[in-house]
Amino acid sequence: MFELISVAKRFAGGGGVQPLSLTVPPGETLTLIGPSGCGKSTLLRLMVGLVTPDQGRVRFGGEDVTGASALALRRRLGFVVQGGGLFPHLTAAGNAALMARYTRWEEPRIRARLDELAQLVRLPAELLSRFPAQLSGGQGQRVSLMRALMLDPDVLLLDEPLGALDPITRYELQDDLHAIFARLRKTVVLVTHDLSEAAFFGDQLALMREGRIVQLGTLDELSHAPAEPFVTRFLQAQRSPLSRDEAG
């Protein structure tokens, strides 16, 4: 679904990504993990076309992501930013339906899709008329997910979507997101700094450090066959990512 070929992006103040290559197969969930400033969010923005690489190529569905093609390709992507990114002057329904109205969907189709997505993300219908300031953090993230799914995209890209939530709300939304991913069978790329969350969602984990992918694999592969000492240090610095059954 995605192919990054020797892609690099550097910023004047430092950071970015070093030349790297990465393939994301259709229907899989890839989690990008690593310390703050390692390039996770930059890599996600390169995929969605919000950042142009200094070198290399980003391909989505066999097409190059360029300045000319990014807008059209972006309609096939659902993007959830940190904090949700809801517009405060629009209701929950207005936020969720933003791209549908931009692409001139008929109102009956929009209402039907809103009802469908509200059920999918388990958002009570009466909350659709509220503004973001009247929603809890978890409710706001459910609205952000509705907006990302509105056009039925091929891919979901999520940039630390649960990072600002309290532990109970985060745990509940993790379960709901996992069920949604399994039901929709879309390609998903999710950025997180939490190892247990990365392991819970990801078919593959890409551990990053200083703009490069240190190791790509399952949690078991990272644990038992670390590519370098940093992998072991990173895993040991976090709590053991127990499975839900083990945690219970």
C-alpha atoms as a PDB file:
ATOM      1  CA  MET A   1       0.000   0.000   0.000  1.00  0.00           C
ATOM      2  CA  PHE A   2       2.878   2.339   0.888  1.00  0.00           C
ATOM      3  CA  GLU A   3       6.431   2.184  -0.400  1.00  0.00           C
ATOM      4  CA  LEU A   4       9.096   4.617   0.783  1.00  0.00           C
ATOM      5  CA  ILE A   5      12.293   4.428  -1.234  1.00  0.00           C
ATOM      6  CA  SER A   6      15.447   6.056   0.215  1.00  0.00           C
ATOM      7  CA  VAL A   7      13.327   8.863   1.663  1.00  0.00           C
ATOM      8  CA  ALA A   8      14.945  11.638   3.702  1.00  0.00           C
ATOM      9  CA  LYS A   9      13.683  14.892   5.200  1.00  0.00           C
ATOM     10  CA  ARG A  10      15.768  17.365   7.161  1.00  0.00           C
ATOM     11  CA  PHE A  11      14.680  20.511   8.986  1.00  0.00           C
ATOM     12  CA  ALA A  12      16.721  23.633   9.657  1.00  0.00           C
ATOM     13  CA  GLY A  13      16.336  23.256  13.406  1.00  0.00           C
ATOM     14  CA  GLY A  14      17.304  19.584  13.332  1.00  0.00           C
ATOM     15  CA  GLY A  15      15.267  16.416  13.325  1.00  0.00           C
ATOM     16  CA  GLY A  16      13.485  14.769  10.428  1.00  0.00           C
ATOM     17  CA  VAL A  17      14.340  11.391   8.929  1.00  0.00           C
ATOM     18  CA  GLN A  18      17.539  10.016   7.452  1.00  0.00           C
ATOM     19  CA  PRO A  19      17.447   8.069   4.174  1.00  0.00           C
ATOM     20  CA  LEU A  20      15.247   5.043   4.817  1.00  0.00           C
ATOM     21  CA  SER A  21      13.104   2.576   2.919  1.00  0.00           C
ATOM     22  CA  LEU A  22       9.878   1.020   4.162  1.00  0.00           C
ATOM     23  CA  THR A  23       7.024  -1.042   2.736  1.00  0.00           C
ATOM     24  CA  VAL A  24       3.551  -1.214   4.302  1.00  0.00           C
ATOM     25  CA  PRO A  25       1.520  -4.180   2.967  1.00  0.00           C
ATOM     26  CA  PRO A  26      -2.229  -3.809   2.360  1.00  0.00           C
ATOM     27  CA  GLY A  27      -4.472  -4.780   5.246  1.00  0.00           C
ATOM     28  CA  GLU A  28      -1.767  -4.705   7.923  1.00  0.00           C
ATOM     29  CA  THR A  29      -1.285  -2.434  10.918  1.00  0.00           C
ATOM     30  CA  LEU A  30       2.178  -0.911  11.272  1.00  0.00           C
ATOM     31  CA  THR A  31       3.045   0.928  14.468  1.00  0.00           C
ATOM     32  CA  LEU A  32       5.827   3.522  14.494  1.00  0.00           C
ATOM     33  CA  ILE A  33       7.445   3.743  17.902  1.00  0.00           C
ATOM     34  CA  GLY A  34      10.468   5.409  19.432  1.00  0.00           C
ATOM     35  CA  PRO A  35      11.576   8.258  21.717  1.00  0.00           C
ATOM     36  CA  SER A  36      10.383  11.821  21.242  1.00  0.00           C
ATOM     37  CA  GLY A  37      11.943  13.552  18.248  1.00  0.00           C
ATOM     38  CA  CYS A  38      12.973  10.330  16.513  1.00  0.00           C
ATOM     39  CA  GLY A  39      11.031  11.114  13.321  1.00  0.00           C
ATOM     40  CA  LYS A  40       7.803   9.122  13.801  1.00  0.00           C
ATOM     41  CA  SER A  41       5.407  11.963  13.036  1.00  0.00           C
ATOM     42  CA  THR A  42       7.587  13.259  10.197  1.00  0.00           C
ATOM     43  CA  LEU A  43       7.467   9.821   8.579  1.00  0.00           C
ATOM     44  CA  LEU A  44       3.675   9.785   8.882  1.00  0.00           C
ATOM     45  CA  ARG A  45       3.418  13.237   7.308  1.00  0.00           C
ATOM     46  CA  LEU A  46       5.642  12.131   4.447  1.00  0.00           C
ATOM     47  CA  MET A  47       3.184   9.301   3.785  1.00  0.00           C
ATOM     48  CA  VAL A  48       0.157  11.582   3.741  1.00  0.00           C
ATOM     49  CA  GLY A  49       1.896  14.172   1.560  1.00  0.00           C
ATOM     50  CA  LEU A  50       1.900  16.969   4.132  1.00  0.00           C
ATOM     51  CA  VAL A  51       5.711  17.055   4.002  1.00  0.00           C
ATOM     52  CA  THR A  52       7.770  16.800   0.813  1.00  0.00           C
ATOM     53  CA  PRO A  53      10.906  14.635   1.027  1.00  0.00           C
ATOM     54  CA  ASP A  54      14.294  16.173   0.290  1.00  0.00           C
ATOM     55  CA  GLN A  55      15.226  12.994  -1.514  1.00  0.00           C
ATOM     56  CA  GLY A  56      13.703   9.644  -2.373  1.00  0.00           C
ATOM     57  CA  ARG A  57      10.174   8.666  -3.363  1.00  0.00           C
ATOM     58  CA  VAL A  58       6.939   8.023  -1.496  1.00  0.00           C
ATOM     59  CA  ARG A  59       4.503   5.752  -3.347  1.00  0.00           C
ATOM     60  CA  PHE A  60       0.907   5.064  -2.345  1.00  0.00           C
ATOM     61  CA  GLY A  61      -1.057   2.380  -4.145  1.00  0.00           C
ATOM     62  CA  GLY A  62       1.560   2.336  -6.903  1.00  0.00           C
ATOM     63  CA  GLU A  63       1.430   6.120  -7.472  1.00  0.00           C
ATOM     64  CA  ASP A  64       4.079   8.665  -6.523  1.00  0.00           C
ATOM     65  CA  VAL A  65       2.978  11.086  -3.812  1.00  0.00           C
ATOM     66  CA  THR A  66       3.965  14.497  -5.184  1.00  0.00           C
ATOM     67  CA  GLY A  67       2.771  18.050  -4.714  1.00  0.00           C
ATOM     68  CA  ALA A  68       0.502  17.631  -7.728  1.00  0.00           C
ATOM     69  CA  SER A  69      -0.976  14.288  -6.698  1.00  0.00           C
ATOM     70  CA  ALA A  70      -1.068  14.645  -2.909  1.00  0.00           C
ATOM     71  CA  LEU A  71      -4.510  16.294  -2.670  1.00  0.00           C
ATOM     72  CA  ALA A  72      -6.265  13.675  -4.793  1.00  0.00           C
ATOM     73  CA  LEU A  73      -4.456  10.805  -3.059  1.00  0.00           C
ATOM     74  CA  ARG A  74      -5.226  12.288   0.349  1.00  0.00           C
ATOM     75  CA  ARG A  75      -8.920  11.638  -0.216  1.00  0.00           C
ATOM     76  CA  ARG A  76      -8.051   7.944  -0.056  1.00  0.00           C
ATOM     77  CA  LEU A  77      -6.401   8.446   3.337  1.00  0.00           C
ATOM     78  CA  GLY A  78      -7.961   8.976   6.743  1.00  0.00           C
ATOM     79  CA  PHE A  79      -5.719  11.046   9.020  1.00  0.00           C
ATOM     80  CA  VAL A  80      -6.144  11.493  12.784  1.00  0.00           C
ATOM     81  CA  VAL A  81      -3.782  14.090  14.256  1.00  0.00           C
ATOM     82  CA  GLN A  82      -2.568  14.466  17.819  1.00  0.00           C
ATOM     83  CA  GLY A  83      -5.301  15.921  20.005  1.00  0.00           C
ATOM     84  CA  GLY A  84      -7.994  15.224  17.414  1.00  0.00           C
ATOM     85  CA  GLY A  85      -7.727  18.531  15.546  1.00  0.00           C
ATOM     86  CA  LEU A  86     -11.462  19.297  15.691  1.00  0.00           C
ATOM     87  CA  PHE A  87     -12.608  22.749  14.563  1.00  0.00           C
ATOM     88  CA  PRO A  88     -14.160  24.478  17.605  1.00  0.00           C
ATOM     89  CA  HIS A  89     -16.780  26.397  15.575  1.00  0.00           C
ATOM     90  CA  LEU A  90     -18.246  23.219  14.045  1.00  0.00           C
ATOM     91  CA  THR A  91     -20.436  20.663  15.787  1.00  0.00           C
ATOM     92  CA  ALA A  92     -19.341  17.057  16.052  1.00  0.00           C
ATOM     93  CA  ALA A  93     -21.467  16.277  12.997  1.00  0.00           C
ATOM     94  CA  GLY A  94     -20.006  19.241  11.134  1.00  0.00           C
ATOM     95  CA  ASN A  95     -16.464  18.121  11.899  1.00  0.00           C
ATOM     96  CA  ALA A  96     -17.124  14.518  10.925  1.00  0.00           C
ATOM     97  CA  ALA A  97     -18.843  15.482   7.662  1.00  0.00           C
ATOM     98  CA  LEU A  98     -16.299  18.115   6.626  1.00  0.00           C
ATOM     99  CA  MET A  99     -14.715  16.196   3.730  1.00  0.00           C
ATOM    100  CA  ALA A 100     -18.050  14.790   2.584  1.00  0.00           C
ATOM    101  CA  ARG A 101     -19.429  18.297   2.178  1.00  0.00           C
ATOM    102  CA  TYR A 102     -16.196  19.439   0.531  1.00  0.00           C
ATOM    103  CA  THR A 103     -16.621  16.691  -2.066  1.00  0.00           C
ATOM    104  CA  ARG A 104     -20.316  17.650  -2.497  1.00  0.00           C
ATOM    105  CA  TRP A 105     -22.076  14.633  -1.080  1.00  0.00           C
ATOM    106  CA  GLU A 106     -25.860  14.929  -0.909  1.00  0.00           C
ATOM    107  CA  GLU A 107     -27.223  15.619   2.570  1.00  0.00           C
ATOM    108  CA  PRO A 108     -29.201  12.337   2.870  1.00  0.00           C
ATOM    109  CA  ARG A 109     -26.001  10.421   2.105  1.00  0.00           C
ATOM    110  CA  ILE A 110     -24.100  12.451   4.695  1.00  0.00           C
ATOM    111  CA  ARG A 111     -26.729  11.823   7.375  1.00  0.00           C
ATOM    112  CA  ALA A 112     -26.752   8.098   6.646  1.00  0.00           C
ATOM    113  CA  ARG A 113     -22.963   7.915   6.818  1.00  0.00           C
ATOM    114  CA  LEU A 114     -22.905   9.889  10.086  1.00  0.00           C
ATOM    115  CA  ASP A 115     -25.381   7.467  11.647  1.00  0.00           C
ATOM    116  CA  GLU A 116     -23.336   4.494  10.423  1.00  0.00           C
ATOM    117  CA  LEU A 117     -20.047   5.855  11.746  1.00  0.00           C
ATOM    118  CA  ALA A 118     -21.518   6.958  15.086  1.00  0.00           C
ATOM    119  CA  GLN A 119     -22.592   3.367  15.665  1.00  0.00           C
ATOM    120  CA  LEU A 120     -19.207   2.065  14.538  1.00  0.00           C
ATOM    121  CA  VAL A 121     -17.198   4.247  16.942  1.00  0.00           C
ATOM    122  CA  ARG A 122     -19.820   3.963  19.687  1.00  0.00           C
ATOM    123  CA  LEU A 123     -20.621   7.677  19.880  1.00  0.00           C
ATOM    124  CA  PRO A 124     -24.172   8.407  21.154  1.00  0.00           C
ATOM    125  CA  ALA A 125     -26.157  10.102  18.383  1.00  0.00           C
ATOM    126  CA  GLU A 126     -27.229  12.967  20.636  1.00  0.00           C
ATOM    127  CA  LEU A 127     -23.598  14.090  20.911  1.00  0.00           C
ATOM    128  CA  LEU A 128     -23.385  14.870  17.187  1.00  0.00           C
ATOM    129  CA  SER A 129     -25.036  18.252  17.778  1.00  0.00           C
ATOM    130  CA  ARG A 130     -22.482  19.294  20.415  1.00  0.00           C
ATOM    131  CA  PHE A 131     -19.402  21.423  19.853  1.00  0.00           C
ATOM    132  CA  PRO A 132     -15.898  20.109  20.665  1.00  0.00           C
ATOM    133  CA  ALA A 133     -15.720  22.094  23.927  1.00  0.00           C
ATOM    134  CA  GLN A 134     -18.807  20.185  25.103  1.00  0.00           C
ATOM    135  CA  LEU A 135     -17.214  16.761  24.485  1.00  0.00           C
ATOM    136  CA  SER A 136     -14.865  14.736  26.640  1.00  0.00           C
ATOM    137  CA  GLY A 137     -11.436  13.831  25.315  1.00  0.00           C
ATOM    138  CA  GLY A 138     -12.553  10.332  24.425  1.00  0.00           C
ATOM    139  CA  GLN A 139     -15.687  11.573  22.692  1.00  0.00           C
ATOM    140  CA  GLY A 140     -13.654  14.084  20.701  1.00  0.00           C
ATOM    141  CA  GLN A 141     -11.308  11.322  19.506  1.00  0.00           C
ATOM    142  CA  ARG A 142     -14.297   9.261  18.388  1.00  0.00           C
ATOM    143  CA  VAL A 143     -15.470  12.233  16.321  1.00  0.00           C
ATOM    144  CA  SER A 144     -11.963  12.597  14.848  1.00  0.00           C
ATOM    145  CA  LEU A 145     -12.042   8.935  13.876  1.00  0.00           C
ATOM    146  CA  MET A 146     -15.465   9.426  12.245  1.00  0.00           C
ATOM    147  CA  ARG A 147     -14.035  12.292  10.195  1.00  0.00           C
ATOM    148  CA  ALA A 148     -11.075  10.142   9.128  1.00  0.00           C
ATOM    149  CA  LEU A 149     -13.404   7.314   8.061  1.00  0.00           C
ATOM    150  CA  MET A 150     -16.052   9.482   6.403  1.00  0.00           C
ATOM    151  CA  LEU A 151     -14.952   8.897   2.798  1.00  0.00           C
ATOM    152  CA  ASP A 152     -14.224   5.191   3.447  1.00  0.00           C
ATOM    153  CA  PRO A 153     -10.462   5.587   2.859  1.00  0.00           C
ATOM    154  CA  ASP A 154      -8.091   2.795   1.897  1.00  0.00           C
ATOM    155  CA  VAL A 155      -5.686   3.686   4.717  1.00  0.00           C
ATOM    156  CA  LEU A 156      -5.893   5.121   8.222  1.00  0.00           C
ATOM    157  CA  LEU A 157      -2.947   7.159   9.539  1.00  0.00           C
ATOM    158  CA  LEU A 158      -3.054   8.010  13.238  1.00  0.00           C
ATOM    159  CA  ASP A 159      -0.544  10.250  15.015  1.00  0.00           C
ATOM    160  CA  GLU A 160      -0.602   9.369  18.737  1.00  0.00           C
ATOM    161  CA  PRO A 161      -4.420   9.471  18.774  1.00  0.00           C
ATOM    162  CA  LEU A 162      -4.718   8.349  22.412  1.00  0.00           C
ATOM    163  CA  GLY A 163      -1.729  10.100  23.948  1.00  0.00           C
ATOM    164  CA  ALA A 164      -3.643  12.859  25.775  1.00  0.00           C
ATOM    165  CA  LEU A 165      -6.345  10.640  27.303  1.00  0.00           C
ATOM    166  CA  ASP A 166      -6.638   9.382  30.865  1.00  0.00           C
ATOM    167  CA  PRO A 167      -5.713   5.706  31.371  1.00  0.00           C
ATOM    168  CA  ILE A 168      -9.290   4.355  31.618  1.00  0.00           C
ATOM    169  CA  THR A 169     -10.513   6.216  28.530  1.00  0.00           C
ATOM    170  CA  ARG A 170      -7.365   5.242  26.666  1.00  0.00           C
ATOM    171  CA  TYR A 171      -7.834   1.560  27.539  1.00  0.00           C
ATOM    172  CA  GLU A 172     -11.464   1.621  26.349  1.00  0.00           C
ATOM    173  CA  LEU A 173     -10.567   3.375  23.103  1.00  0.00           C
ATOM    174  CA  GLN A 174      -7.722   0.935  22.462  1.00  0.00           C
ATOM    175  CA  ASP A 175     -10.225  -1.912  22.594  1.00  0.00           C
ATOM    176  CA  ASP A 176     -12.679  -0.057  20.345  1.00  0.00           C
ATOM    177  CA  LEU A 177      -9.990   0.887  17.814  1.00  0.00           C
ATOM    178  CA  HIS A 178      -8.669  -2.666  17.717  1.00  0.00           C
ATOM    179  CA  ALA A 179     -12.186  -3.949  16.985  1.00  0.00           C
ATOM    180  CA  ILE A 180     -12.701  -1.308  14.286  1.00  0.00           C
ATOM    181  CA  PHE A 181      -9.400  -2.151  12.589  1.00  0.00           C
ATOM    182  CA  ALA A 182     -10.298  -5.854  12.600  1.00  0.00           C
ATOM    183  CA  ARG A 183     -13.786  -5.202  11.241  1.00  0.00           C
ATOM    184  CA  LEU A 184     -12.804  -2.790   8.464  1.00  0.00           C
ATOM    185  CA  ARG A 185      -9.569  -4.590   7.478  1.00  0.00           C
ATOM    186  CA  LYS A 186      -7.941  -1.370   6.328  1.00  0.00           C
ATOM    187  CA  THR A 187      -4.238  -0.631   6.158  1.00  0.00           C
ATOM    188  CA  VAL A 188      -3.293   1.266   9.320  1.00  0.00           C
ATOM    189  CA  VAL A 189      -0.158   3.196  10.291  1.00  0.00           C
ATOM    190  CA  LEU A 190      -0.208   4.324  13.914  1.00  0.00           C
ATOM    191  CA  VAL A 191       2.347   6.456  15.746  1.00  0.00           C
ATOM    192  CA  THR A 192       2.733   5.891  19.472  1.00  0.00           C
ATOM    193  CA  HIS A 193       5.410   6.248  22.145  1.00  0.00           C
ATOM    194  CA  ASP A 194       3.891   3.437  24.205  1.00  0.00           C
ATOM    195  CA  LEU A 195       5.340  -0.033  23.652  1.00  0.00           C
ATOM    196  CA  SER A 196       2.351  -1.963  24.976  1.00  0.00           C
ATOM    197  CA  GLU A 197       0.047   0.025  22.707  1.00  0.00           C
ATOM    198  CA  ALA A 198       2.320  -0.593  19.717  1.00  0.00           C
ATOM    199  CA  ALA A 199       2.361  -4.323  20.434  1.00  0.00           C
ATOM    200  CA  PHE A 200      -1.415  -4.445  20.981  1.00  0.00           C
ATOM    201  CA  PHE A 201      -2.198  -2.869  17.608  1.00  0.00           C
ATOM    202  CA  GLY A 202       0.731  -3.675  15.352  1.00  0.00           C
ATOM    203  CA  ASP A 203       1.273  -6.612  13.037  1.00  0.00           C
ATOM    204  CA  GLN A 204       4.725  -5.040  12.678  1.00  0.00           C
ATOM    205  CA  LEU A 205       6.560  -2.538  14.871  1.00  0.00           C
ATOM    206  CA  ALA A 206       9.037  -0.060  13.404  1.00  0.00           C
ATOM    207  CA  LEU A 207      11.329   1.176  16.162  1.00  0.00           C
ATOM    208  CA  MET A 208      12.906   4.511  15.267  1.00  0.00           C
ATOM    209  CA  ARG A 209      15.877   6.436  16.606  1.00  0.00           C
ATOM    210  CA  GLU A 210      17.375   9.706  15.357  1.00  0.00           C
ATOM    211  CA  GLY A 211      15.497   9.650  12.073  1.00  0.00           C
ATOM    212  CA  ARG A 212      16.126   6.049  11.080  1.00  0.00           C
ATOM    213  CA  ILE A 213      14.350   2.729  11.520  1.00  0.00           C
ATOM    214  CA  VAL A 214      16.491   0.704  13.896  1.00  0.00           C
ATOM    215  CA  GLN A 215      14.440  -2.477  13.570  1.00  0.00           C
ATOM    216  CA  LEU A 216      11.226  -3.621  11.894  1.00  0.00           C
ATOM    217  CA  GLY A 217       9.483  -6.727  13.165  1.00  0.00           C
ATOM    218  CA  THR A 218       7.158  -8.219  15.745  1.00  0.00           C
ATOM    219  CA  LEU A 219       7.578  -7.549  19.436  1.00  0.00           C
ATOM    220  CA  ASP A 220       8.925 -11.072  19.852  1.00  0.00           C
ATOM    221  CA  GLU A 221      11.558 -10.418  17.180  1.00  0.00           C
ATOM    222  CA  LEU A 222      12.593  -7.138  18.781  1.00  0.00           C
ATOM    223  CA  SER A 223      12.768  -8.808  22.182  1.00  0.00           C
ATOM    224  CA  HIS A 224      14.661 -11.964  21.235  1.00  0.00           C
ATOM    225  CA  ALA A 225      16.702 -10.816  18.232  1.00  0.00           C
ATOM    226  CA  PRO A 226      17.479  -7.105  18.777  1.00  0.00           C
ATOM    227  CA  ALA A 227      19.270  -5.457  15.886  1.00  0.00           C
ATOM    228  CA  GLU A 228      21.393  -3.328  18.211  1.00  0.00           C
ATOM    229  CA  PRO A 229      21.738  -2.585  21.944  1.00  0.00           C
ATOM    230  CA  PHE A 230      19.362   0.416  21.718  1.00  0.00           C
ATOM    231  CA  VAL A 231      16.463  -1.954  20.952  1.00  0.00           C
ATOM    232  CA  THR A 232      16.999  -3.815  24.214  1.00  0.00           C
ATOM    233  CA  ARG A 233      17.441  -0.575  26.188  1.00  0.00           C
ATOM    234  CA  PHE A 234      14.225   0.853  24.746  1.00  0.00           C
ATOM    235  CA  LEU A 235      12.231  -2.274  25.550  1.00  0.00           C
ATOM    236  CA  GLN A 236      13.651  -2.525  29.062  1.00  0.00           C
ATOM    237  CA  ALA A 237      12.841   1.135  29.751  1.00  0.00           C
ATOM    238  CA  GLN A 238       9.122   0.454  29.364  1.00  0.00           C
ATOM    239  CA  ARG A 239       6.795  -1.751  31.324  1.00  0.00           C
ATOM    240  CA  SER A 240       6.360  -5.248  30.001  1.00  0.00           C
ATOM    241  CA  PRO A 241       3.651  -5.132  27.293  1.00  0.00           C
ATOM    242  CA  LEU A 242       1.406  -7.922  28.608  1.00  0.00           C
ATOM    243  CA  SER A 243      -1.367  -9.270  26.450  1.00  0.00           C
ATOM    244  CA  ARG A 244      -4.930  -8.485  27.553  1.00  0.00           C
ATOM    245  CA  ASP A 245      -5.382 -12.072  28.760  1.00  0.00           C
ATOM    246  CA  GLU A 246      -2.165 -11.921  30.777  1.00  0.00           C
ATOM    247  CA  ALA A 247      -3.052  -8.521  32.192  1.00  0.00           C
ATOM    248  CA  GLY A 248      -6.451  -9.860  33.290  1.00  0.00           C
END
